[in-house]
Amino acid sequence: MNKNKIQILWGTLLVMAGLGVFYRIPQVMPKIMSIEAFANAGGIIRFCFYVLGILLIYGGAKKIYDHFYSFPDN
């Protein structure tokens, strides 16, 4: 497998992982909130999960975009 295909695959996996984070947040947050130590920090934990998802999607999309729209150096 050449480097270009690996980069596209990696970018796709990053985007899918980010979407998976968004999909799992509503299911995981009640379990996290049931832990007494994290009960008062629900807002910041939710915020961190959303930021993580956004960063994963952004990183994967940037990797894919750069692959298809990069210009070779002269």
C-alpha atoms as a PDB file:
ATOM      1  CA  MET A   1       0.000   0.000   0.000  1.00  0.00           C
ATOM      2  CA  ASN A   2       1.523   3.313  -0.984  1.00  0.00           C
ATOM      3  CA  LYS A   3       1.746   6.386   1.205  1.00  0.00           C
ATOM      4  CA  ASN A   4      -1.108   8.269  -0.523  1.00  0.00           C
ATOM      5  CA  LYS A   5      -3.628   5.498   0.115  1.00  0.00           C
ATOM      6  CA  ILE A   6      -2.541   5.231   3.736  1.00  0.00           C
ATOM      7  CA  GLN A   7      -3.031   8.990   4.215  1.00  0.00           C
ATOM      8  CA  ILE A   8      -6.533   8.862   2.726  1.00  0.00           C
ATOM      9  CA  LEU A   9      -7.383   5.844   4.879  1.00  0.00           C
ATOM     10  CA  TRP A  10      -6.023   7.572   7.995  1.00  0.00           C
ATOM     11  CA  GLY A  11      -8.018  10.743   7.249  1.00  0.00           C
ATOM     12  CA  THR A  12     -11.174   8.704   6.721  1.00  0.00           C
ATOM     13  CA  LEU A  13     -10.636   6.859   9.993  1.00  0.00           C
ATOM     14  CA  LEU A  14     -10.134  10.142  11.850  1.00  0.00           C
ATOM     15  CA  VAL A  15     -13.402  11.534  10.475  1.00  0.00           C
ATOM     16  CA  MET A  16     -15.230   8.321  11.376  1.00  0.00           C
ATOM     17  CA  ALA A  17     -13.784   8.400  14.905  1.00  0.00           C
ATOM     18  CA  GLY A  18     -14.953  12.008  15.315  1.00  0.00           C
ATOM     19  CA  LEU A  19     -18.443  11.113  14.147  1.00  0.00           C
ATOM     20  CA  GLY A  20     -18.389   8.152  16.528  1.00  0.00           C
ATOM     21  CA  VAL A  21     -17.617  10.490  19.422  1.00  0.00           C
ATOM     22  CA  PHE A  22     -20.672  12.598  18.554  1.00  0.00           C
ATOM     23  CA  TYR A  23     -22.792   9.454  18.272  1.00  0.00           C
ATOM     24  CA  ARG A  24     -21.691   8.085  21.656  1.00  0.00           C
ATOM     25  CA  ILE A  25     -21.875  11.269  23.779  1.00  0.00           C
ATOM     26  CA  PRO A  26     -25.627  10.980  24.578  1.00  0.00           C
ATOM     27  CA  GLN A  27     -25.193   7.325  25.546  1.00  0.00           C
ATOM     28  CA  VAL A  28     -22.053   7.741  27.653  1.00  0.00           C
ATOM     29  CA  MET A  29     -22.828  10.955  29.532  1.00  0.00           C
ATOM     30  CA  PRO A  30     -25.500   9.430  31.836  1.00  0.00           C
ATOM     31  CA  LYS A  31     -23.008   6.730  32.844  1.00  0.00           C
ATOM     32  CA  ILE A  32     -20.326   9.337  33.531  1.00  0.00           C
ATOM     33  CA  MET A  33     -22.754  11.499  35.501  1.00  0.00           C
ATOM     34  CA  SER A  34     -23.620   8.513  37.706  1.00  0.00           C
ATOM     35  CA  ILE A  35     -20.029   8.506  38.999  1.00  0.00           C
ATOM     36  CA  GLU A  36     -20.045  10.715  42.082  1.00  0.00           C
ATOM     37  CA  ALA A  37     -16.633  12.279  41.410  1.00  0.00           C
ATOM     38  CA  PHE A  38     -17.759  13.553  37.980  1.00  0.00           C
ATOM     39  CA  ALA A  39     -21.337  14.542  38.856  1.00  0.00           C
ATOM     40  CA  ASN A  40     -20.557  18.253  39.221  1.00  0.00           C
ATOM     41  CA  ALA A  41     -18.338  18.454  36.140  1.00  0.00           C
ATOM     42  CA  GLY A  42     -20.857  17.305  33.541  1.00  0.00           C
ATOM     43  CA  GLY A  43     -20.717  20.483  31.493  1.00  0.00           C
ATOM     44  CA  ILE A  44     -16.957  20.568  31.141  1.00  0.00           C
ATOM     45  CA  ILE A  45     -16.815  16.840  30.351  1.00  0.00           C
ATOM     46  CA  ARG A  46     -19.463  17.215  27.648  1.00  0.00           C
ATOM     47  CA  PHE A  47     -17.600  20.243  26.253  1.00  0.00           C
ATOM     48  CA  CYS A  48     -14.337  18.268  26.124  1.00  0.00           C
ATOM     49  CA  PHE A  49     -15.998  15.375  24.299  1.00  0.00           C
ATOM     50  CA  TYR A  50     -17.459  17.736  21.696  1.00  0.00           C
ATOM     51  CA  VAL A  51     -14.104  19.479  21.216  1.00  0.00           C
ATOM     52  CA  LEU A  52     -12.454  16.077  20.798  1.00  0.00           C
ATOM     53  CA  GLY A  53     -14.996  15.115  18.135  1.00  0.00           C
ATOM     54  CA  ILE A  54     -14.563  18.412  16.302  1.00  0.00           C
ATOM     55  CA  LEU A  55     -10.770  18.091  16.321  1.00  0.00           C
ATOM     56  CA  LEU A  56     -10.900  14.524  15.018  1.00  0.00           C
ATOM     57  CA  ILE A  57     -13.268  15.472  12.196  1.00  0.00           C
ATOM     58  CA  TYR A  58     -11.249  18.592  11.341  1.00  0.00           C
ATOM     59  CA  GLY A  59      -7.948  16.703  11.317  1.00  0.00           C
ATOM     60  CA  GLY A  60      -9.268  13.915   9.113  1.00  0.00           C
ATOM     61  CA  ALA A  61     -11.016  16.294   6.738  1.00  0.00           C
ATOM     62  CA  LYS A  62      -7.880  18.446   6.456  1.00  0.00           C
ATOM     63  CA  LYS A  63      -5.769  15.385   5.684  1.00  0.00           C
ATOM     64  CA  ILE A  64      -8.192  14.293   2.939  1.00  0.00           C
ATOM     65  CA  TYR A  65      -8.528  17.839   1.567  1.00  0.00           C
ATOM     66  CA  ASP A  66      -4.777  18.368   1.483  1.00  0.00           C
ATOM     67  CA  HIS A  67      -4.343  15.109  -0.403  1.00  0.00           C
ATOM     68  CA  PHE A  68      -6.765  16.028  -3.171  1.00  0.00           C
ATOM     69  CA  TYR A  69      -6.115  19.765  -3.382  1.00  0.00           C
ATOM     70  CA  SER A  70      -2.389  20.056  -2.735  1.00  0.00           C
ATOM     71  CA  PHE A  71      -0.213  21.486  -5.438  1.00  0.00           C
ATOM     72  CA  PRO A  72       3.179  19.952  -6.170  1.00  0.00           C
ATOM     73  CA  ASP A  73       6.202  22.069  -5.375  1.00  0.00           C
ATOM     74  CA  ASN A  74       8.015  23.432  -8.414  1.00  0.00           C
END
